[in-house]
C-alpha atoms as a PDB file:
ATOM      1  CA  MET A   1       0.000   0.000   0.000  1.00  0.00           C
ATOM      2  CA  ALA A   2       1.324   3.450  -0.926  1.00  0.00           C
ATOM      3  CA  ARG A   3       2.570   5.569   1.960  1.00  0.00           C
ATOM      4  CA  ARG A   4       0.579   8.704   2.649  1.00  0.00           C
ATOM      5  CA  ARG A   5       2.524  11.917   2.388  1.00  0.00           C
ATOM      6  CA  LYS A   6       2.954  13.758   5.649  1.00  0.00           C
ATOM      7  CA  GLY A   7       2.153  17.422   5.933  1.00  0.00           C
ATOM      8  CA  ARG A   8      -0.539  19.847   4.901  1.00  0.00           C
ATOM      9  CA  SER A   9      -2.279  19.848   1.559  1.00  0.00           C
ATOM     10  CA  VAL A  10      -1.040  23.156   0.169  1.00  0.00           C
ATOM     11  CA  ASP A  11      -1.598  24.303  -3.431  1.00  0.00           C
ATOM     12  CA  GLY A  12      -0.126  27.356  -5.141  1.00  0.00           C
ATOM     13  CA  ILE A  13       3.092  29.111  -6.110  1.00  0.00           C
ATOM     14  CA  LEU A  14       5.469  30.859  -3.725  1.00  0.00           C
ATOM     15  CA  VAL A  15       7.902  33.370  -5.213  1.00  0.00           C
ATOM     16  CA  LEU A  16      10.867  32.698  -2.957  1.00  0.00           C
ATOM     17  CA  ASP A  17      13.858  35.029  -2.714  1.00  0.00           C
ATOM     18  CA  LYS A  18      16.608  32.418  -2.680  1.00  0.00           C
ATOM     19  CA  PRO A  19      19.377  33.334  -0.229  1.00  0.00           C
ATOM     20  CA  PRO A  20      23.064  33.109  -1.157  1.00  0.00           C
ATOM     21  CA  GLY A  21      25.042  30.005  -0.289  1.00  0.00           C
ATOM     22  CA  ARG A  22      22.117  27.626  -0.619  1.00  0.00           C
ATOM     23  CA  SER A  23      21.234  25.266  -3.425  1.00  0.00           C
ATOM     24  CA  SER A  24      17.848  25.781  -5.044  1.00  0.00           C
ATOM     25  CA  ASN A  25      16.758  22.383  -3.775  1.00  0.00           C
ATOM     26  CA  GLY A  26      17.893  23.259  -0.257  1.00  0.00           C
ATOM     27  CA  ALA A  27      15.965  26.533  -0.356  1.00  0.00           C
ATOM     28  CA  MET A  28      12.870  24.693  -1.606  1.00  0.00           C
ATOM     29  CA  VAL A  29      13.158  22.084   1.158  1.00  0.00           C
ATOM     30  CA  THR A  30      13.340  24.870   3.749  1.00  0.00           C
ATOM     31  CA  ALA A  31      10.210  26.535   2.330  1.00  0.00           C
ATOM     32  CA  ARG A  32       8.377  23.213   2.259  1.00  0.00           C
ATOM     33  CA  ALA A  33       9.298  22.563   5.897  1.00  0.00           C
ATOM     34  CA  ILE A  34       8.117  26.032   6.953  1.00  0.00           C
ATOM     35  CA  TYR A  35       4.792  25.434   5.215  1.00  0.00           C
ATOM     36  CA  ASN A  36       4.647  21.845   6.474  1.00  0.00           C
ATOM     37  CA  ALA A  37       3.565  21.066   2.902  1.00  0.00           C
ATOM     38  CA  SER A  38       3.147  17.512   1.701  1.00  0.00           C
ATOM     39  CA  LYS A  39       4.526  18.200  -1.785  1.00  0.00           C
ATOM     40  CA  ALA A  40       6.740  20.865  -3.337  1.00  0.00           C
ATOM     41  CA  GLY A  41       9.210  21.458  -6.164  1.00  0.00           C
ATOM     42  CA  HIS A  42      11.223  24.358  -7.560  1.00  0.00           C
ATOM     43  CA  THR A  43      11.155  25.587 -11.140  1.00  0.00           C
ATOM     44  CA  GLY A  44      14.705  26.022 -12.353  1.00  0.00           C
ATOM     45  CA  ALA A  45      17.945  25.848 -10.414  1.00  0.00           C
ATOM     46  CA  LEU A  46      20.043  28.815  -9.387  1.00  0.00           C
ATOM     47  CA  ASP A  47      23.734  28.447  -8.510  1.00  0.00           C
ATOM     48  CA  PRO A  48      24.462  28.481  -4.755  1.00  0.00           C
ATOM     49  CA  LEU A  49      26.167  31.866  -5.285  1.00  0.00           C
ATOM     50  CA  ALA A  50      23.020  33.301  -6.837  1.00  0.00           C
ATOM     51  CA  THR A  51      20.043  34.941  -5.166  1.00  0.00           C
ATOM     52  CA  GLY A  52      16.604  36.045  -6.253  1.00  0.00           C
ATOM     53  CA  VAL A  53      13.401  34.820  -7.821  1.00  0.00           C
ATOM     54  CA  LEU A  54      12.845  31.081  -7.340  1.00  0.00           C
ATOM     55  CA  PRO A  55       9.208  30.053  -7.870  1.00  0.00           C
ATOM     56  CA  VAL A  56       8.335  27.116  -5.614  1.00  0.00           C
ATOM     57  CA  CYS A  57       5.301  25.055  -6.567  1.00  0.00           C
ATOM     58  CA  PHE A  58       3.239  23.400  -3.844  1.00  0.00           C
ATOM     59  CA  GLY A  59       0.801  20.526  -4.256  1.00  0.00           C
ATOM     60  CA  GLU A  60      -1.197  20.614  -7.475  1.00  0.00           C
ATOM     61  CA  ALA A  61       0.967  23.443  -8.826  1.00  0.00           C
ATOM     62  CA  THR A  62       3.845  20.960  -9.278  1.00  0.00           C
ATOM     63  CA  LYS A  63       1.938  19.498 -12.249  1.00  0.00           C
ATOM     64  CA  PHE A  64       2.399  22.773 -14.106  1.00  0.00           C
ATOM     65  CA  SER A  65       5.980  23.599 -13.102  1.00  0.00           C
ATOM     66  CA  GLN A  66       7.261  22.826 -16.610  1.00  0.00           C
ATOM     67  CA  PHE A  67       5.701  26.046 -17.867  1.00  0.00           C
ATOM     68  CA  LEU A  68       7.983  27.978 -15.499  1.00  0.00           C
ATOM     69  CA  LEU A  69      10.999  25.800 -16.264  1.00  0.00           C
ATOM     70  CA  ASP A  70      10.530  26.675 -19.948  1.00  0.00           C
ATOM     71  CA  ALA A  71       9.977  30.395 -19.334  1.00  0.00           C
ATOM     72  CA  ASP A  72      12.408  33.255 -19.993  1.00  0.00           C
ATOM     73  CA  LYS A  73      14.550  34.490 -17.112  1.00  0.00           C
ATOM     74  CA  GLU A  74      16.100  37.882 -16.284  1.00  0.00           C
ATOM     75  CA  TYR A  75      19.275  38.467 -14.254  1.00  0.00           C
ATOM     76  CA  ARG A  76      21.535  41.197 -12.932  1.00  0.00           C
ATOM     77  CA  SER A  77      25.165  40.211 -12.523  1.00  0.00           C
ATOM     78  CA  HIS A  78      28.599  41.630 -11.700  1.00  0.00           C
ATOM     79  CA  PHE A  79      31.326  40.499 -14.123  1.00  0.00           C
ATOM     80  CA  ILE A  80      34.957  40.791 -13.041  1.00  0.00           C
ATOM     81  CA  PHE A  81      37.400  41.177 -15.965  1.00  0.00           C
ATOM     82  CA  GLY A  82      41.066  40.273 -15.542  1.00  0.00           C
ATOM     83  CA  GLN A  83      40.525  37.112 -13.531  1.00  0.00           C
ATOM     84  CA  GLN A  84      39.519  33.649 -14.710  1.00  0.00           C
ATOM     85  CA  THR A  85      38.295  30.962 -12.286  1.00  0.00           C
ATOM     86  CA  ASP A  86      37.741  27.237 -12.740  1.00  0.00           C
ATOM     87  CA  THR A  87      34.021  27.516 -11.975  1.00  0.00           C
ATOM     88  CA  GLY A  88      33.348  30.751 -13.853  1.00  0.00           C
ATOM     89  CA  ASP A  89      32.287  32.467 -10.638  1.00  0.00           C
ATOM     90  CA  ALA A  90      33.738  33.832  -7.403  1.00  0.00           C
ATOM     91  CA  GLU A  91      33.453  30.472  -5.612  1.00  0.00           C
ATOM     92  CA  GLY A  92      36.120  28.893  -7.816  1.00  0.00           C
ATOM     93  CA  SER A  93      39.910  28.884  -7.722  1.00  0.00           C
ATOM     94  CA  VAL A  94      41.724  31.531  -9.735  1.00  0.00           C
ATOM     95  CA  LEU A  95      43.299  30.020 -12.867  1.00  0.00           C
ATOM     96  CA  ALA A  96      44.800  33.153 -14.393  1.00  0.00           C
ATOM     97  CA  GLU A  97      45.059  36.911 -13.883  1.00  0.00           C
ATOM     98  CA  VAL A  98      45.592  39.448 -16.661  1.00  0.00           C
ATOM     99  CA  ASP A  99      45.679  43.221 -16.254  1.00  0.00           C
ATOM    100  CA  ALA A 100      42.359  44.484 -17.634  1.00  0.00           C
ATOM    101  CA  SER A 101      43.229  48.190 -17.374  1.00  0.00           C
ATOM    102  CA  HIS A 102      43.003  48.554 -21.151  1.00  0.00           C
ATOM    103  CA  LEU A 103      39.304  47.580 -21.179  1.00  0.00           C
ATOM    104  CA  THR A 104      36.850  50.388 -21.886  1.00  0.00           C
ATOM    105  CA  ALA A 105      33.081  50.545 -21.707  1.00  0.00           C
ATOM    106  CA  ALA A 106      32.957  51.100 -25.482  1.00  0.00           C
ATOM    107  CA  GLU A 107      34.947  47.921 -26.197  1.00  0.00           C
ATOM    108  CA  LEU A 108      32.811  45.960 -23.768  1.00  0.00           C
ATOM    109  CA  GLU A 109      29.610  47.260 -25.381  1.00  0.00           C
ATOM    110  CA  SER A 110      30.971  46.163 -28.762  1.00  0.00           C
ATOM    111  CA  GLN A 111      31.611  42.611 -27.533  1.00  0.00           C
ATOM    112  CA  ILE A 112      28.266  42.404 -25.706  1.00  0.00           C
ATOM    113  CA  ALA A 113      26.463  43.261 -28.950  1.00  0.00           C
ATOM    114  CA  LYS A 114      27.914  40.090 -30.522  1.00  0.00           C
ATOM    115  CA  LEU A 115      26.250  37.952 -27.851  1.00  0.00           C
ATOM    116  CA  ARG A 116      22.731  39.279 -28.330  1.00  0.00           C
ATOM    117  CA  GLY A 117      20.121  37.248 -30.187  1.00  0.00           C
ATOM    118  CA  ASP A 118      20.359  33.558 -31.090  1.00  0.00           C
ATOM    119  CA  ILE A 119      23.737  32.127 -30.072  1.00  0.00           C
ATOM    120  CA  LEU A 120      25.363  28.776 -29.391  1.00  0.00           C
ATOM    121  CA  GLN A 121      26.627  28.386 -25.835  1.00  0.00           C
ATOM    122  CA  VAL A 122      28.875  25.692 -24.373  1.00  0.00           C
ATOM    123  CA  PRO A 123      27.644  24.798 -20.858  1.00  0.00           C
ATOM    124  CA  PRO A 124      30.270  25.070 -18.091  1.00  0.00           C
ATOM    125  CA  MET A 125      31.850  21.960 -16.579  1.00  0.00           C
ATOM    126  CA  TYR A 126      30.649  23.131 -13.181  1.00  0.00           C
ATOM    127  CA  SER A 127      26.974  22.577 -13.972  1.00  0.00           C
ATOM    128  CA  ALA A 128      24.243  20.088 -13.088  1.00  0.00           C
ATOM    129  CA  LEU A 129      24.028  18.741 -16.631  1.00  0.00           C
ATOM    130  CA  LYS A 130      24.628  15.010 -16.663  1.00  0.00           C
ATOM    131  CA  ARG A 131      27.032  12.790 -18.589  1.00  0.00           C
ATOM    132  CA  ASP A 132      26.427   9.042 -18.259  1.00  0.00           C
ATOM    133  CA  GLY A 133      24.148   9.742 -15.302  1.00  0.00           C
ATOM    134  CA  LYS A 134      26.674  11.859 -13.387  1.00  0.00           C
ATOM    135  CA  PRO A 135      26.473  15.647 -12.966  1.00  0.00           C
ATOM    136  CA  LEU A 136      29.281  17.430 -14.784  1.00  0.00           C
ATOM    137  CA  TYR A 137      30.315  19.217 -11.585  1.00  0.00           C
ATOM    138  CA  GLU A 138      31.231  15.854 -10.020  1.00  0.00           C
ATOM    139  CA  LEU A 139      33.609  15.190 -12.894  1.00  0.00           C
ATOM    140  CA  ALA A 140      34.967  18.739 -12.726  1.00  0.00           C
ATOM    141  CA  ARG A 141      35.781  18.350  -9.039  1.00  0.00           C
ATOM    142  CA  LYS A 142      37.921  15.327  -9.958  1.00  0.00           C
ATOM    143  CA  GLY A 143      39.776  17.384 -12.542  1.00  0.00           C
ATOM    144  CA  ILE A 144      38.005  15.680 -15.437  1.00  0.00           C
ATOM    145  CA  THR A 145      36.931  17.769 -18.413  1.00  0.00           C
ATOM    146  CA  VAL A 146      34.633  16.320 -21.078  1.00  0.00           C
ATOM    147  CA  GLU A 147      33.440  17.737 -24.349  1.00  0.00           C
ATOM    148  CA  ARG A 148      30.085  19.540 -24.068  1.00  0.00           C
ATOM    149  CA  PRO A 149      28.111  20.185 -27.226  1.00  0.00           C
ATOM    150  CA  ALA A 150      27.112  23.799 -27.768  1.00  0.00           C
ATOM    151  CA  ARG A 151      23.408  24.469 -27.234  1.00  0.00           C
ATOM    152  CA  PRO A 152      21.223  27.121 -28.845  1.00  0.00           C
ATOM    153  CA  VAL A 153      19.958  29.862 -26.517  1.00  0.00           C
ATOM    154  CA  THR A 154      18.496  33.305 -27.159  1.00  0.00           C
ATOM    155  CA  ILE A 155      19.786  36.427 -25.413  1.00  0.00           C
ATOM    156  CA  ARG A 156      16.814  38.764 -25.707  1.00  0.00           C
ATOM    157  CA  GLU A 157      18.468  41.642 -23.814  1.00  0.00           C
ATOM    158  CA  PHE A 158      22.075  42.159 -22.716  1.00  0.00           C
ATOM    159  CA  VAL A 159      22.567  45.605 -21.201  1.00  0.00           C
ATOM    160  CA  LEU A 160      25.690  47.133 -19.682  1.00  0.00           C
ATOM    161  CA  GLU A 161      24.330  49.081 -16.710  1.00  0.00           C
ATOM    162  CA  SER A 162      27.647  50.348 -15.331  1.00  0.00           C
ATOM    163  CA  PHE A 163      31.393  49.901 -15.816  1.00  0.00           C
ATOM    164  CA  THR A 164      34.326  50.537 -13.469  1.00  0.00           C
ATOM    165  CA  PRO A 165      37.730  50.340 -15.186  1.00  0.00           C
ATOM    166  CA  GLY A 166      40.853  48.972 -13.531  1.00  0.00           C
ATOM    167  CA  ALA A 167      43.262  46.052 -13.380  1.00  0.00           C
ATOM    168  CA  LEU A 168      40.219  44.090 -12.267  1.00  0.00           C
ATOM    169  CA  ALA A 169      37.455  45.866 -14.174  1.00  0.00           C
ATOM    170  CA  VAL A 170      33.871  45.492 -12.998  1.00  0.00           C
ATOM    171  CA  ALA A 171      30.766  45.495 -15.183  1.00  0.00           C
ATOM    172  CA  VAL A 172      27.176  45.375 -13.970  1.00  0.00           C
ATOM    173  CA  VAL A 173      24.994  43.766 -16.625  1.00  0.00           C
ATOM    174  CA  ARG A 174      21.349  42.849 -17.023  1.00  0.00           C
ATOM    175  CA  VAL A 175      20.425  39.837 -19.149  1.00  0.00           C
ATOM    176  CA  ARG A 176      17.045  38.532 -20.303  1.00  0.00           C
ATOM    177  CA  CYS A 177      17.332  35.124 -21.905  1.00  0.00           C
ATOM    178  CA  THR A 178      15.721  31.801 -22.696  1.00  0.00           C
ATOM    179  CA  LYS A 179      15.882  28.744 -20.458  1.00  0.00           C
ATOM    180  CA  GLY A 180      19.189  26.933 -20.191  1.00  0.00           C
ATOM    181  CA  THR A 181      21.344  30.051 -20.537  1.00  0.00           C
ATOM    182  CA  TYR A 182      24.415  30.164 -18.292  1.00  0.00           C
ATOM    183  CA  ILE A 183      25.353  33.679 -17.220  1.00  0.00           C
ATOM    184  CA  ARG A 184      28.779  32.363 -16.176  1.00  0.00           C
ATOM    185  CA  SER A 185      29.363  31.273 -19.760  1.00  0.00           C
ATOM    186  CA  LEU A 186      28.453  34.745 -21.008  1.00  0.00           C
ATOM    187  CA  ALA A 187      31.054  36.242 -18.661  1.00  0.00           C
ATOM    188  CA  GLU A 188      33.698  33.716 -19.732  1.00  0.00           C
ATOM    189  CA  ASP A 189      32.940  34.251 -23.429  1.00  0.00           C
ATOM    190  CA  LEU A 190      33.303  38.008 -23.009  1.00  0.00           C
ATOM    191  CA  GLY A 191      36.560  37.592 -21.100  1.00  0.00           C
ATOM    192  CA  ALA A 192      37.925  35.291 -23.797  1.00  0.00           C
ATOM    193  CA  ALA A 193      36.916  37.676 -26.611  1.00  0.00           C
ATOM    194  CA  ILE A 194      38.569  40.618 -24.866  1.00  0.00           C
ATOM    195  CA  GLY A 195      41.631  38.556 -23.919  1.00  0.00           C
ATOM    196  CA  CYS A 196      41.704  39.135 -20.187  1.00  0.00           C
ATOM    197  CA  GLY A 197      39.392  36.458 -18.773  1.00  0.00           C
ATOM    198  CA  ALA A 198      36.305  37.111 -16.664  1.00  0.00           C
ATOM    199  CA  HIS A 199      34.053  35.554 -14.045  1.00  0.00           C
ATOM    200  CA  VAL A 200      30.780  36.231 -12.254  1.00  0.00           C
ATOM    201  CA  SER A 201      31.136  37.723  -8.775  1.00  0.00           C
ATOM    202  CA  SER A 202      27.412  38.039  -8.057  1.00  0.00           C
ATOM    203  CA  LEU A 203      24.202  36.944  -9.718  1.00  0.00           C
ATOM    204  CA  ARG A 204      20.598  37.812  -8.929  1.00  0.00           C
ATOM    205  CA  ARG A 205      17.552  36.553 -10.776  1.00  0.00           C
ATOM    206  CA  LEU A 206      15.119  39.412 -11.248  1.00  0.00           C
ATOM    207  CA  GLN A 207      12.360  37.522 -13.052  1.00  0.00           C
ATOM    208  CA  ALA A 208      11.286  33.981 -13.898  1.00  0.00           C
ATOM    209  CA  GLY A 209       8.419  33.834 -16.370  1.00  0.00           C
ATOM    210  CA  PRO A 210       5.722  36.206 -15.080  1.00  0.00           C
ATOM    211  CA  PHE A 211       7.125  36.359 -11.530  1.00  0.00           C
ATOM    212  CA  VAL A 212       9.277  39.338 -10.538  1.00  0.00           C
ATOM    213  CA  GLU A 213      11.590  40.363  -7.732  1.00  0.00           C
ATOM    214  CA  ALA A 214       8.985  42.625  -6.106  1.00  0.00           C
ATOM    215  CA  GLN A 215       6.791  39.575  -5.455  1.00  0.00           C
ATOM    216  CA  SER A 216       9.517  37.549  -3.762  1.00  0.00           C
ATOM    217  CA  VAL A 217       9.522  36.627  -0.088  1.00  0.00           C
ATOM    218  CA  SER A 218      12.597  35.781   1.988  1.00  0.00           C
ATOM    219  CA  THR A 219      12.971  32.688   4.132  1.00  0.00           C
ATOM    220  CA  GLU A 220      13.273  35.010   7.147  1.00  0.00           C
ATOM    221  CA  GLN A 221       9.815  36.449   6.421  1.00  0.00           C
ATOM    222  CA  LEU A 222       8.404  32.962   6.046  1.00  0.00           C
ATOM    223  CA  GLN A 223      10.041  31.746   9.245  1.00  0.00           C
ATOM    224  CA  ALA A 224       8.663  34.709  11.202  1.00  0.00           C
ATOM    225  CA  LEU A 225       5.129  33.691  10.172  1.00  0.00           C
ATOM    226  CA  ARG A 226       5.808  30.059  11.004  1.00  0.00           C
ATOM    227  CA  ASP A 227       7.194  30.990  14.424  1.00  0.00           C
ATOM    228  CA  ARG A 228       3.807  32.581  15.126  1.00  0.00           C
ATOM    229  CA  GLU A 229       2.103  29.508  13.611  1.00  0.00           C
ATOM    230  CA  ASP A 230       0.394  31.907  11.219  1.00  0.00           C
ATOM    231  CA  PHE A 231      -0.415  29.412   8.474  1.00  0.00           C
ATOM    232  CA  ASP A 232      -3.147  31.696   7.144  1.00  0.00           C
ATOM    233  CA  GLY A 233      -0.488  34.355   6.643  1.00  0.00           C
ATOM    234  CA  LEU A 234       1.793  31.871   4.918  1.00  0.00           C
ATOM    235  CA  ASP A 235      -0.967  30.627   2.638  1.00  0.00           C
ATOM    236  CA  ALA A 236      -1.891  34.200   1.727  1.00  0.00           C
ATOM    237  CA  LEU A 237       1.545  34.540   0.103  1.00  0.00           C
ATOM    238  CA  LEU A 238       0.774  31.758  -2.376  1.00  0.00           C
ATOM    239  CA  LEU A 239      -0.198  32.774  -5.894  1.00  0.00           C
ATOM    240  CA  PRO A 240      -2.740  30.848  -7.987  1.00  0.00           C
ATOM    241  CA  ILE A 241      -1.523  28.339 -10.567  1.00  0.00           C
ATOM    242  CA  THR A 242      -3.094  30.395 -13.358  1.00  0.00           C
ATOM    243  CA  ASP A 243      -0.582  33.202 -12.666  1.00  0.00           C
ATOM    244  CA  ALA A 244       2.045  30.968 -14.287  1.00  0.00           C
ATOM    245  CA  LEU A 245      -0.123  30.357 -17.350  1.00  0.00           C
ATOM    246  CA  GLY A 246      -0.993  33.863 -18.505  1.00  0.00           C
ATOM    247  CA  HIS A 247       0.682  33.303 -21.877  1.00  0.00           C
ATOM    248  CA  ILE A 248      -1.822  30.519 -22.743  1.00  0.00           C
ATOM    249  CA  PRO A 249      -5.322  31.350 -24.041  1.00  0.00           C
ATOM    250  CA  GLN A 250      -8.165  30.635 -21.639  1.00  0.00           C
ATOM    251  CA  LEU A 251     -11.258  28.633 -22.526  1.00  0.00           C
ATOM    252  CA  THR A 252     -14.374  28.500 -20.381  1.00  0.00           C
ATOM    253  CA  LEU A 253     -16.357  25.263 -20.499  1.00  0.00           C
ATOM    254  CA  GLY A 254     -20.039  24.779 -19.875  1.00  0.00           C
ATOM    255  CA  ASP A 255     -21.084  22.292 -17.198  1.00  0.00           C
ATOM    256  CA  THR A 256     -21.688  19.429 -19.653  1.00  0.00           C
ATOM    257  CA  ALA A 257     -18.422  19.920 -21.533  1.00  0.00           C
ATOM    258  CA  ALA A 258     -16.502  20.224 -18.246  1.00  0.00           C
ATOM    259  CA  TYR A 259     -18.044  16.993 -16.968  1.00  0.00           C
ATOM    260  CA  TYR A 260     -16.992  14.921 -19.972  1.00  0.00           C
ATOM    261  CA  LEU A 261     -13.579  16.543 -20.237  1.00  0.00           C
ATOM    262  CA  LEU A 262     -12.868  15.723 -16.584  1.00  0.00           C
ATOM    263  CA  GLN A 263     -13.647  12.099 -17.471  1.00  0.00           C
ATOM    264  CA  GLY A 264     -10.801  12.295 -19.990  1.00  0.00           C
ATOM    265  CA  GLN A 265     -12.981  12.718 -23.090  1.00  0.00           C
ATOM    266  CA  PRO A 266     -12.378  15.311 -25.844  1.00  0.00           C
ATOM    267  CA  VAL A 267     -15.208  17.810 -26.190  1.00  0.00           C
ATOM    268  CA  GLN A 268     -16.378  20.366 -28.734  1.00  0.00           C
ATOM    269  CA  VAL A 269     -16.357  23.907 -27.352  1.00  0.00           C
ATOM    270  CA  SER A 270     -17.739  26.903 -29.200  1.00  0.00           C
ATOM    271  CA  GLY A 271     -15.244  29.704 -29.666  1.00  0.00           C
ATOM    272  CA  ALA A 272     -12.183  27.570 -28.938  1.00  0.00           C
ATOM    273  CA  PRO A 273      -8.848  28.438 -30.607  1.00  0.00           C
ATOM    274  CA  THR A 274      -7.976  26.430 -33.698  1.00  0.00           C
ATOM    275  CA  SER A 275      -4.736  24.962 -32.323  1.00  0.00           C
ATOM    276  CA  GLY A 276      -2.346  24.855 -29.374  1.00  0.00           C
ATOM    277  CA  GLU A 277      -2.800  24.626 -25.635  1.00  0.00           C
ATOM    278  CA  VAL A 278      -5.583  26.230 -23.618  1.00  0.00           C
ATOM    279  CA  VAL A 279      -6.168  26.956 -19.945  1.00  0.00           C
ATOM    280  CA  LEU A 280      -9.402  25.203 -19.028  1.00  0.00           C
ATOM    281  CA  LEU A 281     -11.846  27.043 -16.783  1.00  0.00           C
ATOM    282  CA  ALA A 282     -15.246  26.021 -15.475  1.00  0.00           C
ATOM    283  CA  GLU A 283     -18.119  28.471 -15.515  1.00  0.00           C
ATOM    284  CA  GLY A 284     -17.398  30.874 -12.698  1.00  0.00           C
ATOM    285  CA  GLY A 285     -13.677  30.855 -13.506  1.00  0.00           C
ATOM    286  CA  LYS A 286     -12.510  27.816 -11.539  1.00  0.00           C
ATOM    287  CA  PHE A 287      -9.250  26.431 -12.945  1.00  0.00           C
ATOM    288  CA  LEU A 288      -9.486  22.842 -14.196  1.00  0.00           C
ATOM    289  CA  GLY A 289      -6.177  22.280 -15.954  1.00  0.00           C
ATOM    290  CA  ILE A 290      -4.529  22.430 -19.369  1.00  0.00           C
ATOM    291  CA  GLY A 291      -6.055  21.141 -22.605  1.00  0.00           C
ATOM    292  CA  GLU A 292      -5.017  20.974 -26.227  1.00  0.00           C
ATOM    293  CA  ILE A 293      -6.900  21.541 -29.459  1.00  0.00           C
ATOM    294  CA  LEU A 294      -7.027  18.416 -31.641  1.00  0.00           C
ATOM    295  CA  ASP A 295      -6.849  18.467 -35.430  1.00  0.00           C
ATOM    296  CA  ASP A 296     -10.635  18.051 -35.601  1.00  0.00           C
ATOM    297  CA  GLY A 297     -11.169  21.130 -33.405  1.00  0.00           C
ATOM    298  CA  ARG A 298     -12.149  19.309 -30.221  1.00  0.00           C
ATOM    299  CA  VAL A 299     -10.506  20.069 -26.886  1.00  0.00           C
ATOM    300  CA  THR A 300      -8.747  17.194 -25.144  1.00  0.00           C
ATOM    301  CA  PRO A 301      -7.403  17.230 -21.568  1.00  0.00           C
ATOM    302  CA  ARG A 302      -3.613  17.164 -21.160  1.00  0.00           C
ATOM    303  CA  ARG A 303      -3.037  17.950 -17.489  1.00  0.00           C
ATOM    304  CA  LEU A 304      -5.848  18.286 -14.963  1.00  0.00           C
ATOM    305  CA  LEU A 305      -6.094  18.992 -11.275  1.00  0.00           C
ATOM    306  CA  SER A 306      -6.461  15.818  -9.221  1.00  0.00           C
ATOM    307  CA  THR A 307      -9.574  17.090  -7.498  1.00  0.00           C
ATOM    308  CA  VAL A 308     -12.020  19.602  -8.858  1.00  0.00           C
ATOM    309  CA  GLY A 309     -14.722  20.420  -6.380  1.00  0.00           C
END
């Protein structure tokens, strides 16, 4: 017999402000413990060095986490030019130092422009990508380097916000990009193009999909509510699942169509889009799940809530 999950039945999305020095999974586990939630998952890892927006899905929201995993992200980062590290960030060992005093903001802007748009990016060795079932960072820690195929990513925005020249020059940049983009690789690619090396000294995620920094809540704020056993206050911080699905057209079903669709049967719905995914709503606006338009125009369920009352 399956073991029952311990904890409260909690559904919704928490926009967590991940603290520095913690893995994304560790930060999610802390949030889950504070909520005493039976089920939770995060929606895209941040490096331990990084801070910022980490949407955490609780309960039924975990079924729709892929939409946030696939979403664009936005970051602000400090790049240090003149110093190359083995990890591409400040947590690594310094491999080489080159005087970067010659670097100007104009030259940096010129090189940044070459990295905007659709590019191919080689993932860093110190990453969670797997080779033969093992994370690359485990191999890197043993001094093993393996070939990593370049992957297509899109850099939608890459803005130089400020620049401080010097032997170790500092640039503050803002990047909006597609999933799977490594900001450390952008820093290393810039350092290589300029000829002085570079690494990331700080990284903050400003946005993940529709969720922004202003919505984020720190673990300290959560813990303060838990210390008072204010679960109503904690639950009030959760956002509805539909907030993650605003880019998908909505379709409201009548009672009969909703009944058959919830039984797993495709249904004909007047006014439905001609193709693609749709957010399924019952009359009154209650969220039911995600459906897809079939070639014959009917709507079929793809991912539904476990219970719809």
